[in-house]
Amino acid sequence: MSVRSVGLLFLLALTAGLSVPAEPIPAASTPKAVGQTAVRPARGNLSLSGAWALYPLAVRWQEEFQKSHPGVNVDVQAGGAGKGIADVLAGVVDIGMVSREINPAEVDKGAVALAVAKAAVIVPLSRKNPFLADILRRRFRMQDLSAVWIGGTATTWEALLGKKGRTPIHVFTRSDACGAAETWAAYLGGHQEDLVGIGVYGDPGLAEAVRRDPLAIGYNNVNFVYDAKTLAPVTGLAIGALDLDENGAVDPAEKVYASRDDLTRAIAAGVYPSPPARELYFVVKGKPDRPLLAEFLEWVLVEGQRYVVEMGYIAVGPDRIAAGLALVRGGAGRK
């Protein structure tokens, strides 16, 4: 359609009090004011699935992006990092949310990862644990926790705390393939398949199982142990602190669990170890050359970063953001 024809169409519509048909007009035929570039509002659908670790932040990004892009629908589903990576490589979703490192076999299949935030795995306990006072006066050493989840040699609370007795530890783990389990196992010196315990699906399920059982111990992503409003531990849950320097003492630098903000500041400062702290990724298959996908990814890496700390996460470094933007803009054919 010529520029003249388009102008006549708009003129007729205005004079007759009618709306202009919604069919997109080819860019070459769209009238432009001098010095301006016509930009069509983004429209379409995007889908994400995967890590529970990223789910609360991804939902916030979904809400904010849709506010500024009313023609776009973003669907976010949790299900574990394993589901996220499988879904994106199979073409079921546009973005896989992954809370662990991407392995070489996944890269060979086309996985391209962008670091979007950082979080950590922590140890929830029931507030009704009969040994809670003793636990809160000390710190868990890495080798003690490894004996619980991997070695299976610490089977009683007394053994874990250096006491005499036979009170069993009810050990919980994740039943789904997930980054939290792989990250926790890496901290303890193994892999997810090495972890023993009662398998529970998802972060919410595991946190609730621990909350209900006075003898339970588990592992969760930070945002499922702390209340998003009060920033204190969820009612009924306490946190088992890690002995960060393995000296057996409660040092001032290790008092980082009182609130979610205290803990995230410690993670950002490098006080909390990595693992169990780690980066969280959006994974796409191949170059993100679809315009709407590229626009959303760039928004997450720029405007979306303002919500990271607010939502209880840690921002990744400027170098990681720059690398992500270069990848997105390169895939979309921009600089």
Protein backbone atom coordinates (compact mmCIF):
# COMPACT_ATOMS: atom_id res chain seq x y z
CA MET A 1 0.00 0.00 0.00
CA SER A 2 1.38 3.48 -0.92
CA VAL A 3 1.91 6.31 1.56
CA ARG A 4 -0.86 8.24 -0.16
CA SER A 5 -3.31 5.33 0.25
CA VAL A 6 -2.51 5.02 3.93
CA GLY A 7 -3.07 8.76 4.40
CA LEU A 8 -6.46 8.55 2.67
CA LEU A 9 -7.45 5.60 4.88
CA PHE A 10 -6.72 7.54 8.05
CA LEU A 11 -8.47 10.66 6.74
CA LEU A 12 -11.62 8.74 5.85
CA ALA A 13 -11.61 7.00 9.22
CA LEU A 14 -11.35 10.26 11.12
CA THR A 15 -14.00 12.09 9.11
CA ALA A 16 -16.46 9.20 9.30
CA GLY A 17 -15.95 8.65 13.04
CA LEU A 18 -14.75 5.09 12.42
CA SER A 19 -11.80 3.16 13.88
CA VAL A 20 -8.85 2.19 11.74
CA PRO A 21 -8.65 -1.56 10.95
CA ALA A 22 -6.26 -3.40 13.30
CA GLU A 23 -4.24 -5.07 10.54
CA PRO A 24 -0.55 -4.18 10.90
CA ILE A 25 0.74 -1.76 8.30
CA PRO A 26 4.09 -2.65 6.71
CA ALA A 27 6.86 -0.50 8.12
CA ALA A 28 7.82 0.75 4.68
CA SER A 29 4.31 2.15 4.20
CA THR A 30 3.88 3.77 7.63
CA PRO A 31 4.08 7.57 7.55
CA LYS A 32 6.83 8.94 9.78
CA ALA A 33 7.41 12.43 11.05
CA VAL A 34 10.79 13.90 10.21
CA GLY A 35 13.42 12.67 12.66
CA GLN A 36 11.09 10.06 14.22
CA THR A 37 10.82 6.29 13.91
CA ALA A 38 7.39 4.70 14.05
CA VAL A 39 7.26 2.00 16.75
CA ARG A 40 4.43 -0.48 16.84
CA PRO A 41 3.28 -1.59 20.32
CA ALA A 42 4.50 -5.07 21.17
CA ARG A 43 1.89 -7.81 20.95
CA GLY A 44 1.97 -11.53 21.43
CA ASN A 45 2.61 -14.26 23.98
CA LEU A 46 5.63 -15.40 25.95
CA SER A 47 5.95 -18.49 28.12
CA LEU A 48 8.33 -19.36 30.95
CA SER A 49 8.71 -22.48 33.06
CA GLY A 50 11.19 -23.91 35.52
CA ALA A 51 12.96 -23.09 38.76
CA TRP A 52 11.00 -22.36 41.91
CA ALA A 53 13.97 -20.21 42.92
CA LEU A 54 13.14 -17.70 40.18
CA TYR A 55 9.37 -18.04 40.27
CA PRO A 56 8.50 -15.13 42.66
CA LEU A 57 10.76 -12.72 40.80
CA ALA A 58 9.58 -13.92 37.37
CA VAL A 59 5.96 -13.35 38.41
CA ARG A 60 6.82 -9.79 39.44
CA TRP A 61 8.54 -9.24 36.10
CA GLN A 62 5.49 -10.67 34.36
CA GLU A 63 3.19 -8.23 36.13
CA GLU A 64 5.34 -5.16 35.53
CA PHE A 65 6.12 -5.96 31.89
CA GLN A 66 2.45 -6.50 31.09
CA LYS A 67 1.59 -3.13 32.65
CA SER A 68 3.85 -1.34 30.18
CA HIS A 69 3.07 -3.75 27.33
CA PRO A 70 -0.73 -4.27 27.48
CA GLY A 71 -0.74 -6.22 24.22
CA VAL A 72 1.54 -8.93 25.62
CA ASN A 73 0.61 -11.96 27.68
CA VAL A 74 3.40 -13.58 29.72
CA ASP A 75 2.71 -16.99 31.23
CA VAL A 76 4.95 -18.18 34.10
CA GLN A 77 4.89 -21.73 35.45
CA ALA A 78 7.09 -23.25 38.17
CA GLY A 79 8.16 -26.89 38.17
CA GLY A 80 11.87 -27.08 38.90
CA ALA A 81 14.99 -26.22 36.92
CA GLY A 82 14.96 -29.64 35.25
CA LYS A 83 11.53 -28.95 33.78
CA GLY A 84 12.59 -25.48 32.69
CA ILE A 85 15.64 -26.63 30.75
CA ALA A 86 13.74 -29.57 29.21
CA ASP A 87 10.82 -27.36 28.17
CA VAL A 88 12.91 -24.67 26.51
CA LEU A 89 15.11 -27.15 24.62
CA ALA A 90 11.98 -28.96 23.42
CA GLY A 91 10.47 -25.68 22.22
CA VAL A 92 7.56 -25.96 24.67
CA VAL A 93 8.33 -22.55 26.22
CA ASP A 94 10.26 -19.46 25.20
CA ILE A 95 12.34 -19.23 28.38
CA GLY A 96 13.50 -21.85 30.85
CA MET A 97 14.12 -20.66 34.41
CA VAL A 98 17.20 -22.47 35.70
CA SER A 99 18.79 -22.20 39.15
CA ARG A 100 22.00 -24.11 38.51
CA GLU A 101 24.86 -24.05 36.05
CA ILE A 102 24.09 -25.15 32.50
CA ASN A 103 25.91 -28.35 31.64
CA PRO A 104 27.84 -28.94 28.38
CA ALA A 105 25.28 -31.40 27.00
CA GLU A 106 22.58 -28.74 27.34
CA VAL A 107 24.78 -26.16 25.62
CA ASP A 108 25.32 -28.63 22.76
CA LYS A 109 21.54 -28.81 22.35
CA GLY A 110 21.32 -25.03 21.97
CA ALA A 111 20.91 -23.75 25.53
CA VAL A 112 21.95 -20.10 25.88
CA ALA A 113 21.94 -18.74 29.45
CA LEU A 114 21.56 -15.18 30.72
CA ALA A 115 22.29 -14.50 34.40
CA VAL A 116 19.37 -12.41 35.73
CA ALA A 117 19.69 -12.54 39.53
CA LYS A 118 21.34 -14.38 42.41
CA ALA A 119 19.92 -16.30 45.39
CA ALA A 120 20.89 -19.00 47.89
CA VAL A 121 19.77 -22.22 49.52
CA ILE A 122 19.35 -22.30 53.31
CA VAL A 123 18.37 -24.84 56.01
CA PRO A 124 14.83 -24.55 57.43
CA LEU A 125 13.86 -26.21 60.73
CA SER A 126 10.61 -26.48 62.63
CA ARG A 127 10.10 -23.95 65.43
CA LYS A 128 8.88 -26.93 67.47
CA ASN A 129 12.20 -28.75 67.22
CA PRO A 130 13.01 -29.95 70.77
CA PHE A 131 16.69 -29.08 70.24
CA LEU A 132 16.09 -25.63 68.75
CA ALA A 133 17.72 -23.70 71.60
CA ASP A 134 20.91 -25.77 71.21
CA ILE A 135 20.82 -25.40 67.43
CA LEU A 136 20.48 -21.61 67.58
CA ARG A 137 23.45 -21.35 69.95
CA ARG A 138 25.75 -23.03 67.47
CA ARG A 139 26.36 -23.37 63.72
CA PHE A 140 26.15 -26.37 61.39
CA ARG A 141 29.48 -27.34 59.88
CA MET A 142 29.46 -28.45 56.27
CA GLN A 143 30.75 -31.92 57.16
CA ASP A 144 27.95 -32.35 59.72
CA LEU A 145 25.30 -31.60 57.11
CA SER A 146 27.03 -33.83 54.59
CA ALA A 147 26.75 -36.66 57.13
CA VAL A 148 22.98 -36.02 57.23
CA TRP A 149 22.23 -35.84 53.49
CA ILE A 150 25.05 -37.70 51.74
CA GLY A 151 26.89 -39.97 54.13
CA GLY A 152 23.75 -40.90 56.03
CA THR A 153 25.85 -41.42 59.17
CA ALA A 154 24.18 -38.68 61.24
CA THR A 155 20.73 -40.13 61.83
CA THR A 156 19.87 -38.61 65.22
CA TRP A 157 19.71 -35.04 66.49
CA GLU A 158 21.99 -35.97 69.35
CA ALA A 159 24.67 -37.23 66.93
CA LEU A 160 24.44 -34.00 64.98
CA LEU A 161 24.73 -31.88 68.13
CA GLY A 162 27.36 -33.93 69.95
CA LYS A 163 24.97 -35.30 72.58
CA LYS A 164 23.78 -38.72 73.70
CA GLY A 165 20.35 -39.92 72.67
CA ARG A 166 18.28 -41.49 69.90
CA THR A 167 15.94 -38.80 68.60
CA PRO A 168 15.75 -39.39 64.83
CA ILE A 169 16.36 -36.69 62.26
CA HIS A 170 13.60 -36.60 59.68
CA VAL A 171 15.53 -35.63 56.56
CA PHE A 172 13.68 -34.04 53.64
CA THR A 173 14.90 -33.52 50.08
CA ARG A 174 13.36 -32.55 46.75
CA SER A 175 11.65 -35.13 44.57
CA ASP A 176 11.81 -32.98 41.42
CA ALA A 177 14.95 -32.32 39.35
CA CYS A 178 15.86 -28.88 40.64
CA GLY A 179 18.65 -26.37 41.00
CA ALA A 180 18.18 -26.07 44.77
CA ALA A 181 18.97 -29.76 45.27
CA GLU A 182 21.91 -29.71 42.87
CA THR A 183 23.29 -26.56 44.51
CA TRP A 184 22.84 -27.93 48.03
CA ALA A 185 24.48 -31.21 47.03
CA ALA A 186 27.39 -29.31 45.46
CA TYR A 187 27.95 -27.50 48.76
CA LEU A 188 28.00 -30.87 50.54
CA GLY A 189 30.31 -32.47 47.98
CA GLY A 190 27.91 -34.43 45.79
CA HIS A 191 25.04 -34.33 43.28
CA GLN A 192 21.26 -34.33 43.67
CA GLU A 193 21.08 -38.10 43.21
CA ASP A 194 23.38 -38.51 46.24
CA LEU A 195 20.98 -36.77 48.62
CA VAL A 196 19.01 -39.00 50.97
CA GLY A 197 15.70 -38.16 52.57
CA ILE A 198 11.95 -38.06 52.08
CA GLY A 199 11.30 -36.59 48.63
CA VAL A 200 8.90 -33.65 48.43
CA TYR A 201 7.91 -31.78 45.28
CA GLY A 202 8.79 -28.10 45.03
CA ASP A 203 9.95 -25.40 47.40
CA PRO A 204 6.52 -24.70 48.93
CA GLY A 205 5.92 -28.38 49.66
CA LEU A 206 9.30 -28.93 51.27
CA ALA A 207 9.06 -25.84 53.48
CA GLU A 208 5.60 -26.89 54.65
CA ALA A 209 6.73 -30.46 55.37
CA VAL A 210 9.53 -29.14 57.58
CA ARG A 211 7.25 -26.64 59.32
CA ARG A 212 4.81 -29.42 60.31
CA ASP A 213 7.44 -31.88 61.60
CA PRO A 214 9.32 -30.99 64.81
CA LEU A 215 12.16 -33.40 63.95
CA ALA A 216 12.58 -32.30 60.33
CA ILE A 217 15.49 -30.72 58.50
CA GLY A 218 15.41 -29.59 54.88
CA TYR A 219 16.79 -27.09 52.37
CA ASN A 220 14.98 -24.30 50.56
CA ASN A 221 15.50 -21.25 48.44
CA VAL A 222 15.53 -18.11 50.59
CA ASN A 223 12.18 -16.70 49.47
CA PHE A 224 10.28 -19.77 50.63
CA VAL A 225 11.61 -19.58 54.19
CA TYR A 226 11.17 -15.84 54.80
CA ASP A 227 7.85 -14.00 54.81
CA ALA A 228 7.69 -11.52 51.91
CA LYS A 229 5.86 -8.92 54.04
CA THR A 230 7.53 -9.14 57.45
CA LEU A 231 10.92 -10.27 56.06
CA ALA A 232 11.20 -12.53 59.13
CA PRO A 233 11.22 -16.33 58.89
CA VAL A 234 7.83 -17.80 57.99
CA THR A 235 5.72 -18.52 61.06
CA GLY A 236 6.63 -21.98 62.35
CA LEU A 237 10.05 -22.05 60.71
CA ALA A 238 13.53 -21.37 62.07
CA ILE A 239 16.82 -21.35 60.18
CA GLY A 240 19.79 -23.57 60.80
CA ALA A 241 22.86 -21.36 60.48
CA LEU A 242 25.99 -22.43 58.64
CA ASP A 243 29.40 -22.30 60.33
CA LEU A 244 30.91 -20.17 57.60
CA ASP A 245 34.50 -20.32 58.82
CA GLU A 246 34.25 -23.83 60.32
CA ASN A 247 35.64 -22.70 63.68
CA GLY A 248 32.72 -24.00 65.73
CA ALA A 249 31.96 -20.56 67.18
CA VAL A 250 29.14 -18.11 66.53
CA ASP A 251 31.01 -15.14 65.08
CA PRO A 252 29.39 -11.71 64.59
CA ALA A 253 29.79 -12.00 60.82
CA GLU A 254 27.68 -15.18 60.88
CA LYS A 255 24.65 -13.49 62.47
CA VAL A 256 22.94 -12.94 59.14
CA TYR A 257 19.64 -14.80 59.48
CA ALA A 258 17.41 -12.44 61.51
CA SER A 259 15.71 -11.05 58.40
CA ARG A 260 15.64 -11.73 54.70
CA ASP A 261 17.43 -8.43 54.05
CA ASP A 262 20.23 -9.30 56.48
CA LEU A 263 20.79 -12.56 54.64
CA THR A 264 20.65 -11.12 51.13
CA ARG A 265 23.16 -8.43 52.13
CA ALA A 266 25.48 -11.17 53.39
CA ILE A 267 25.10 -13.06 50.12
CA ALA A 268 25.79 -9.90 48.11
CA ALA A 269 28.90 -9.20 50.20
CA GLY A 270 30.22 -12.72 49.67
CA VAL A 271 29.93 -13.62 53.37
CA TYR A 272 27.57 -16.50 52.57
CA PRO A 273 29.38 -19.20 50.54
CA SER A 274 28.79 -20.03 46.90
CA PRO A 275 27.46 -22.69 46.68
CA PRO A 276 24.89 -22.68 48.25
CA ALA A 277 24.59 -19.15 46.84
CA ARG A 278 24.48 -19.13 43.04
CA GLU A 279 23.34 -17.24 39.96
CA LEU A 280 19.88 -17.77 38.47
CA TYR A 281 19.40 -17.95 34.71
CA PHE A 282 16.92 -17.34 31.94
CA VAL A 283 17.73 -19.91 29.27
CA VAL A 284 16.67 -19.65 25.63
CA LYS A 285 17.29 -22.00 22.75
CA GLY A 286 19.65 -20.44 20.25
CA LYS A 287 19.87 -16.72 19.58
CA PRO A 288 16.89 -14.72 20.89
CA ASP A 289 16.01 -13.36 17.44
CA ARG A 290 12.24 -13.21 17.97
CA PRO A 291 11.54 -9.48 18.52
CA LEU A 292 9.14 -9.85 21.45
CA LEU A 293 11.41 -12.34 23.22
CA ALA A 294 14.40 -10.05 22.75
CA GLU A 295 12.41 -7.05 24.01
CA PHE A 296 11.35 -8.91 27.16
CA LEU A 297 14.86 -10.17 27.90
CA GLU A 298 16.31 -6.68 27.47
CA TRP A 299 13.60 -5.26 29.75
CA VAL A 300 14.49 -7.84 32.43
CA LEU A 301 18.18 -6.96 32.21
CA VAL A 302 17.56 -3.21 32.40
CA GLU A 303 14.25 -2.01 33.88
CA GLY A 304 13.49 -5.34 35.53
CA GLN A 305 16.60 -5.15 37.70
CA ARG A 306 14.95 -2.50 39.89
CA TYR A 307 12.74 -5.24 41.38
CA VAL A 308 15.51 -7.73 42.17
CA VAL A 309 16.50 -6.54 45.66
CA GLU A 310 12.94 -5.60 46.55
CA MET A 311 11.85 -9.18 45.89
CA GLY A 312 14.56 -10.69 48.10
CA TYR A 313 17.20 -11.49 45.49
CA ILE A 314 20.71 -10.24 44.82
CA ALA A 315 21.64 -8.36 41.67
CA VAL A 316 24.26 -9.86 39.39
CA GLY A 317 27.29 -7.76 38.52
CA PRO A 318 27.40 -5.14 35.75
CA ASP A 319 29.62 -7.42 33.68
CA ARG A 320 26.96 -10.14 33.70
CA ILE A 321 24.27 -7.64 32.69
CA ALA A 322 26.47 -6.30 29.89
CA ALA A 323 27.15 -9.82 28.62
CA GLY A 324 23.43 -10.59 28.62
CA LEU A 325 22.54 -7.40 26.77
CA ALA A 326 25.21 -8.05 24.15
CA LEU A 327 23.78 -11.51 23.57
CA VAL A 328 20.18 -10.27 23.34
CA ARG A 329 20.95 -7.32 21.10
CA GLY A 330 23.20 -9.43 18.91
CA GLY A 331 20.50 -12.05 18.51
CA ALA A 332 17.99 -9.36 17.56
CA GLY A 333 20.44 -7.83 15.06
CA ARG A 334 21.06 -4.68 17.13
CA LYS A 335 24.09 -3.19 18.81
